[in-house]
N, C-alpha and C. Protein backbone atom coordinates (compact mmCIF):
# COMPACT_ATOMS: atom_id res chain seq x y z
N MET A 1 -9.79 -63.34 44.62
CA MET A 1 -8.67 -63.64 43.73
C MET A 1 -8.23 -65.09 43.81
N ALA A 2 -8.36 -65.77 42.64
CA ALA A 2 -7.86 -67.09 42.57
C ALA A 2 -6.63 -67.30 41.85
N ARG A 3 -5.64 -68.02 42.45
CA ARG A 3 -4.33 -68.33 41.95
C ARG A 3 -4.29 -69.80 41.40
N ILE A 4 -4.18 -69.93 40.03
CA ILE A 4 -4.34 -71.22 39.56
C ILE A 4 -2.94 -71.68 38.90
N PRO A 5 -2.15 -72.53 39.54
CA PRO A 5 -0.97 -73.01 38.85
C PRO A 5 -1.25 -73.88 37.70
N LYS A 6 -0.49 -73.52 36.56
CA LYS A 6 -0.82 -74.43 35.39
C LYS A 6 0.45 -74.44 34.37
N ARG A 7 0.45 -75.32 33.45
CA ARG A 7 1.33 -75.38 32.53
C ARG A 7 0.82 -74.31 31.48
N LEU A 8 1.51 -73.26 31.08
CA LEU A 8 1.06 -72.19 30.15
C LEU A 8 1.29 -72.51 28.81
N ALA A 9 2.50 -73.32 28.44
CA ALA A 9 2.68 -73.54 27.05
C ALA A 9 3.54 -74.80 27.02
N GLY A 10 3.31 -75.70 25.82
CA GLY A 10 4.13 -76.90 25.81
C GLY A 10 3.68 -78.12 26.64
N PRO A 11 4.44 -79.01 26.48
CA PRO A 11 5.74 -79.13 25.72
C PRO A 11 5.34 -79.24 24.25
N GLY A 12 6.32 -78.59 23.57
CA GLY A 12 6.18 -78.50 22.11
C GLY A 12 7.45 -77.98 21.39
N GLN A 13 7.58 -78.23 20.13
CA GLN A 13 8.87 -77.91 19.49
C GLN A 13 8.65 -76.40 18.93
N LEU A 14 9.76 -75.54 18.88
CA LEU A 14 9.67 -74.25 18.35
C LEU A 14 10.14 -74.23 16.89
N THR A 15 9.56 -73.22 16.17
CA THR A 15 9.89 -73.00 14.87
C THR A 15 10.92 -71.93 14.77
N ASN A 16 11.41 -71.59 13.66
CA ASN A 16 12.48 -70.59 13.53
C ASN A 16 11.96 -69.12 13.24
N ALA A 17 10.65 -68.99 13.57
CA ALA A 17 9.96 -67.67 13.41
C ALA A 17 9.20 -67.48 14.77
N ALA A 18 9.27 -66.21 15.22
CA ALA A 18 8.47 -65.90 16.45
C ALA A 18 7.03 -66.23 16.39
N VAL A 19 6.61 -67.09 17.33
CA VAL A 19 5.15 -67.48 17.42
C VAL A 19 4.63 -67.24 18.84
N THR A 20 3.47 -66.82 19.05
CA THR A 20 2.96 -66.67 20.29
C THR A 20 2.66 -68.02 20.89
N LYS A 21 3.25 -68.25 22.07
CA LYS A 21 3.07 -69.43 22.85
C LYS A 21 2.15 -69.28 24.06
N TYR A 22 1.75 -68.05 24.43
CA TYR A 22 0.78 -67.79 25.50
C TYR A 22 0.32 -66.36 25.41
N THR A 23 -0.97 -66.39 25.61
CA THR A 23 -1.66 -64.94 25.78
C THR A 23 -2.30 -64.92 27.04
N CYS A 24 -2.02 -63.95 27.80
CA CYS A 24 -2.73 -63.80 29.18
C CYS A 24 -4.22 -63.50 29.08
N PRO A 25 -5.07 -64.21 29.66
CA PRO A 25 -6.52 -63.95 29.49
C PRO A 25 -7.00 -62.64 30.09
N ALA A 26 -8.14 -62.17 29.71
CA ALA A 26 -8.70 -61.00 30.34
C ALA A 26 -8.94 -61.12 31.80
N LEU A 27 -8.89 -59.95 32.50
CA LEU A 27 -9.10 -59.92 33.85
C LEU A 27 -8.25 -60.88 34.69
N THR A 28 -6.97 -61.16 34.14
CA THR A 28 -6.04 -62.06 34.74
C THR A 28 -4.59 -61.33 34.69
N LYS A 29 -3.76 -61.72 35.69
CA LYS A 29 -2.38 -61.49 35.70
C LYS A 29 -1.78 -62.88 35.84
N THR A 30 -0.63 -63.08 35.10
CA THR A 30 0.08 -64.29 35.15
C THR A 30 1.41 -64.14 35.59
N VAL A 31 1.94 -65.06 36.43
CA VAL A 31 3.36 -65.14 36.92
C VAL A 31 3.98 -66.32 36.25
N ILE A 32 4.88 -66.07 35.22
CA ILE A 32 5.64 -67.11 34.82
C ILE A 32 6.80 -67.48 35.71
N ARG A 33 6.86 -68.68 36.11
CA ARG A 33 7.61 -69.13 37.15
C ARG A 33 8.77 -70.13 36.69
N HIS A 34 8.60 -70.78 35.57
CA HIS A 34 9.56 -71.79 35.10
C HIS A 34 9.54 -71.95 33.60
N VAL A 35 10.68 -71.85 32.90
CA VAL A 35 10.76 -72.00 31.49
C VAL A 35 11.74 -73.23 31.39
N HIS A 36 11.37 -74.25 30.73
CA HIS A 36 12.27 -75.39 30.46
C HIS A 36 12.49 -75.57 28.92
N VAL A 37 13.66 -75.60 28.58
CA VAL A 37 14.10 -75.63 27.10
C VAL A 37 15.11 -76.85 27.01
N SER A 38 14.80 -77.68 26.06
CA SER A 38 15.84 -78.74 25.79
C SER A 38 16.19 -78.84 24.35
N ASN A 39 17.37 -79.23 24.15
CA ASN A 39 17.83 -79.35 22.81
C ASN A 39 18.39 -80.82 22.62
N PRO A 40 17.57 -81.73 22.13
CA PRO A 40 18.06 -83.08 21.99
C PRO A 40 18.84 -83.38 20.71
N SER A 41 19.02 -82.31 19.93
CA SER A 41 19.84 -82.54 18.65
C SER A 41 21.30 -82.69 19.01
N GLY A 42 22.09 -82.92 17.95
CA GLY A 42 23.47 -83.15 18.08
C GLY A 42 24.28 -81.81 17.75
N ALA A 43 23.60 -80.68 17.65
CA ALA A 43 24.27 -79.33 17.46
C ALA A 43 23.65 -78.24 18.28
N PRO A 44 24.48 -77.25 18.65
CA PRO A 44 23.90 -76.19 19.45
C PRO A 44 22.78 -75.43 18.65
N VAL A 45 21.80 -74.91 19.28
CA VAL A 45 20.64 -74.19 18.59
C VAL A 45 20.30 -73.01 19.52
N THR A 46 20.05 -71.85 18.97
CA THR A 46 19.75 -70.63 19.74
C THR A 46 18.19 -70.57 20.12
N PHE A 47 17.93 -69.95 21.23
CA PHE A 47 16.69 -69.88 21.74
C PHE A 47 16.35 -68.41 22.06
N THR A 48 15.22 -67.87 21.56
CA THR A 48 14.83 -66.52 21.91
C THR A 48 13.39 -66.61 22.41
N MET A 49 13.06 -65.77 23.55
CA MET A 49 11.82 -65.71 24.13
C MET A 49 11.54 -64.20 24.53
N SER A 50 10.43 -63.62 24.10
CA SER A 50 10.00 -62.29 24.52
C SER A 50 8.67 -62.37 25.26
N ILE A 51 8.63 -61.28 25.98
CA ILE A 51 7.24 -60.96 26.58
C ILE A 51 6.77 -59.72 25.96
N GLY A 52 5.75 -59.86 25.00
CA GLY A 52 5.30 -58.83 24.17
C GLY A 52 5.73 -59.38 22.75
N ALA A 53 5.33 -58.53 21.67
CA ALA A 53 5.79 -58.88 20.36
C ALA A 53 7.30 -58.96 20.28
N ASP A 54 7.84 -59.98 19.65
CA ASP A 54 9.32 -60.19 19.57
C ASP A 54 10.02 -58.92 18.99
N ALA A 55 10.81 -58.38 19.84
CA ALA A 55 11.75 -57.28 19.45
C ALA A 55 12.85 -57.20 20.44
N ALA A 56 13.99 -56.54 20.01
CA ALA A 56 15.15 -56.52 20.99
C ALA A 56 14.79 -56.00 22.42
N GLY A 57 13.79 -55.05 22.52
CA GLY A 57 13.57 -54.57 23.82
C GLY A 57 12.59 -55.34 24.66
N THR A 58 12.02 -56.43 24.04
CA THR A 58 11.01 -57.23 24.80
C THR A 58 11.62 -58.70 25.09
N ARG A 59 12.79 -58.78 24.71
CA ARG A 59 13.35 -60.25 24.83
C ARG A 59 13.89 -60.58 26.23
N VAL A 60 13.53 -61.67 26.82
CA VAL A 60 14.05 -62.24 27.92
C VAL A 60 15.26 -63.13 27.66
N PHE A 61 15.25 -63.83 26.57
CA PHE A 61 16.46 -64.56 25.97
C PHE A 61 16.69 -64.08 24.65
N ASP A 62 17.80 -63.69 24.16
CA ASP A 62 18.09 -63.25 22.95
C ASP A 62 19.10 -64.09 22.14
N ALA A 63 18.64 -65.12 21.41
CA ALA A 63 19.54 -66.01 20.76
C ALA A 63 20.50 -66.58 21.62
N LEU A 64 19.96 -67.08 22.69
CA LEU A 64 20.86 -67.80 23.70
C LEU A 64 21.13 -69.26 23.17
N SER A 65 22.39 -69.45 23.22
CA SER A 65 22.82 -70.79 22.55
C SER A 65 22.51 -71.91 23.56
N ILE A 66 21.79 -72.95 23.12
CA ILE A 66 21.54 -74.16 24.00
C ILE A 66 22.40 -75.20 23.44
N ALA A 67 23.36 -75.82 24.19
CA ALA A 67 24.26 -76.86 23.69
C ALA A 67 23.66 -77.99 23.20
N ALA A 68 24.12 -78.78 22.40
CA ALA A 68 23.56 -80.09 21.87
C ALA A 68 23.47 -80.99 23.08
N GLY A 69 22.22 -81.54 23.13
CA GLY A 69 21.93 -82.43 24.26
C GLY A 69 21.73 -81.92 25.65
N SER A 70 21.59 -80.68 25.64
CA SER A 70 21.50 -79.99 27.07
C SER A 70 20.03 -79.56 27.29
N VAL A 71 19.92 -79.07 28.50
CA VAL A 71 18.62 -78.42 29.00
C VAL A 71 18.93 -77.16 29.73
N LEU A 72 18.08 -76.14 29.55
CA LEU A 72 17.90 -74.99 30.24
C LEU A 72 16.71 -75.00 31.24
N ASP A 73 16.83 -74.94 32.52
CA ASP A 73 15.74 -74.82 33.42
C ASP A 73 15.99 -73.45 34.04
N HIS A 74 15.00 -72.50 33.76
CA HIS A 74 15.07 -71.04 34.20
C HIS A 74 13.85 -70.81 35.04
N PHE A 75 14.24 -70.75 36.45
CA PHE A 75 13.18 -70.52 37.38
C PHE A 75 13.16 -68.94 37.55
N CYS A 76 11.97 -68.39 37.45
CA CYS A 76 11.88 -66.85 37.39
C CYS A 76 10.55 -66.43 38.01
N TYR A 77 10.33 -65.12 37.82
CA TYR A 77 9.17 -64.42 38.25
C TYR A 77 8.93 -63.29 37.29
N TYR A 78 8.26 -63.55 36.25
CA TYR A 78 7.95 -62.55 35.23
C TYR A 78 6.41 -62.31 35.34
N ILE A 79 6.00 -61.14 35.48
CA ILE A 79 4.57 -60.71 35.53
C ILE A 79 4.19 -60.44 34.05
N VAL A 80 2.98 -61.05 33.63
CA VAL A 80 2.41 -60.85 32.42
C VAL A 80 0.96 -60.36 32.64
N ASP A 81 0.58 -59.16 32.00
CA ASP A 81 -0.65 -58.60 32.26
C ASP A 81 -1.71 -59.00 31.16
N ALA A 82 -2.89 -58.88 31.42
CA ALA A 82 -4.09 -59.22 30.69
C ALA A 82 -3.74 -58.78 29.20
N ALA A 83 -3.99 -59.74 28.25
CA ALA A 83 -3.83 -59.49 26.74
C ALA A 83 -2.31 -59.37 26.39
N GLU A 84 -1.29 -59.46 27.19
CA GLU A 84 0.10 -59.56 26.82
C GLU A 84 0.36 -60.92 26.39
N ILE A 85 1.38 -61.06 25.41
CA ILE A 85 1.74 -62.24 24.84
C ILE A 85 3.13 -62.64 25.16
N VAL A 86 3.52 -63.92 25.12
CA VAL A 86 4.77 -64.43 25.20
C VAL A 86 5.00 -65.23 23.92
N GLN A 87 6.23 -64.77 23.24
CA GLN A 87 6.60 -65.28 22.01
C GLN A 87 7.98 -66.08 22.14
N ALA A 88 8.14 -67.11 21.31
CA ALA A 88 9.46 -67.89 21.41
C ALA A 88 9.80 -68.41 19.96
N LEU A 89 11.07 -68.62 19.77
CA LEU A 89 11.60 -69.13 18.58
C LEU A 89 12.87 -69.84 18.76
N ALA A 90 13.30 -70.72 17.79
CA ALA A 90 14.54 -71.42 17.90
C ALA A 90 15.30 -71.07 16.64
N GLY A 91 16.58 -71.14 16.65
CA GLY A 91 17.50 -70.81 15.46
C GLY A 91 17.30 -71.85 14.51
N THR A 92 16.94 -73.00 14.76
CA THR A 92 16.70 -74.12 13.85
C THR A 92 15.25 -74.65 14.01
N THR A 93 14.47 -74.81 13.07
CA THR A 93 13.08 -75.19 13.27
C THR A 93 13.02 -76.66 13.69
N LEU A 94 12.09 -76.92 14.63
CA LEU A 94 11.70 -78.14 15.26
C LEU A 94 12.90 -78.94 15.85
N THR A 95 13.73 -78.14 16.63
CA THR A 95 14.83 -78.87 17.38
C THR A 95 14.74 -78.45 18.76
N ILE A 96 14.21 -77.35 19.30
CA ILE A 96 14.11 -77.02 20.68
C ILE A 96 12.83 -77.37 21.11
N ASN A 97 12.66 -78.01 22.31
CA ASN A 97 11.50 -78.38 22.94
C ASN A 97 11.29 -77.20 24.16
N PHE A 98 10.09 -76.68 24.16
CA PHE A 98 9.76 -75.61 25.03
C PHE A 98 8.54 -75.87 25.95
N THR A 99 8.77 -75.63 27.20
CA THR A 99 7.64 -75.76 28.21
C THR A 99 7.63 -74.49 29.10
N MET A 100 6.57 -73.99 29.47
CA MET A 100 6.49 -72.76 30.36
C MET A 100 5.34 -72.99 31.31
N ASP A 101 5.71 -72.86 32.61
CA ASP A 101 4.72 -72.93 33.76
C ASP A 101 4.56 -71.81 34.50
N GLY A 102 3.39 -71.68 35.22
CA GLY A 102 3.24 -70.35 36.04
C GLY A 102 1.88 -70.47 36.80
N ASP A 103 1.52 -69.22 37.26
CA ASP A 103 0.29 -69.10 37.96
C ASP A 103 -0.60 -68.02 37.18
N GLU A 104 -1.75 -68.33 36.91
CA GLU A 104 -2.82 -67.45 36.61
C GLU A 104 -3.48 -66.90 37.70
N ILE A 105 -3.56 -65.59 37.93
CA ILE A 105 -4.31 -64.88 38.97
C ILE A 105 -5.47 -64.18 38.38
N VAL A 106 -6.73 -64.81 38.62
CA VAL A 106 -7.95 -64.28 38.20
C VAL A 106 -8.25 -63.10 39.01
N LEU A 107 -8.57 -61.92 38.47
CA LEU A 107 -8.78 -60.70 39.27
C LEU A 107 -10.27 -60.48 39.25
N GLY A 108 -10.65 -59.84 40.35
CA GLY A 108 -12.04 -59.45 40.51
C GLY A 108 -12.81 -60.53 41.19
């Protein structure tokens, strides 16, 4: 079993529609360890992230307000199974910068 630390998504800007930012590969489990979100704009912007297709029951962050000129560093331990997706969106298109890091664990 190989554990591979890597950047899973980003850095990149989010749109205002849920978009898949990561898909866990086959025969793999992924541990999301860090989510970095920055808002360099002059106004607060909401941030939403889900594990699975975006819906109220799959959201890790649900329209969390990120203040103007601020950063969210979320250190975590979320398990993502093979073929599961992570989706993210911002309240305003192309204002929030998103990066996600973790470990991919290749099974077998």
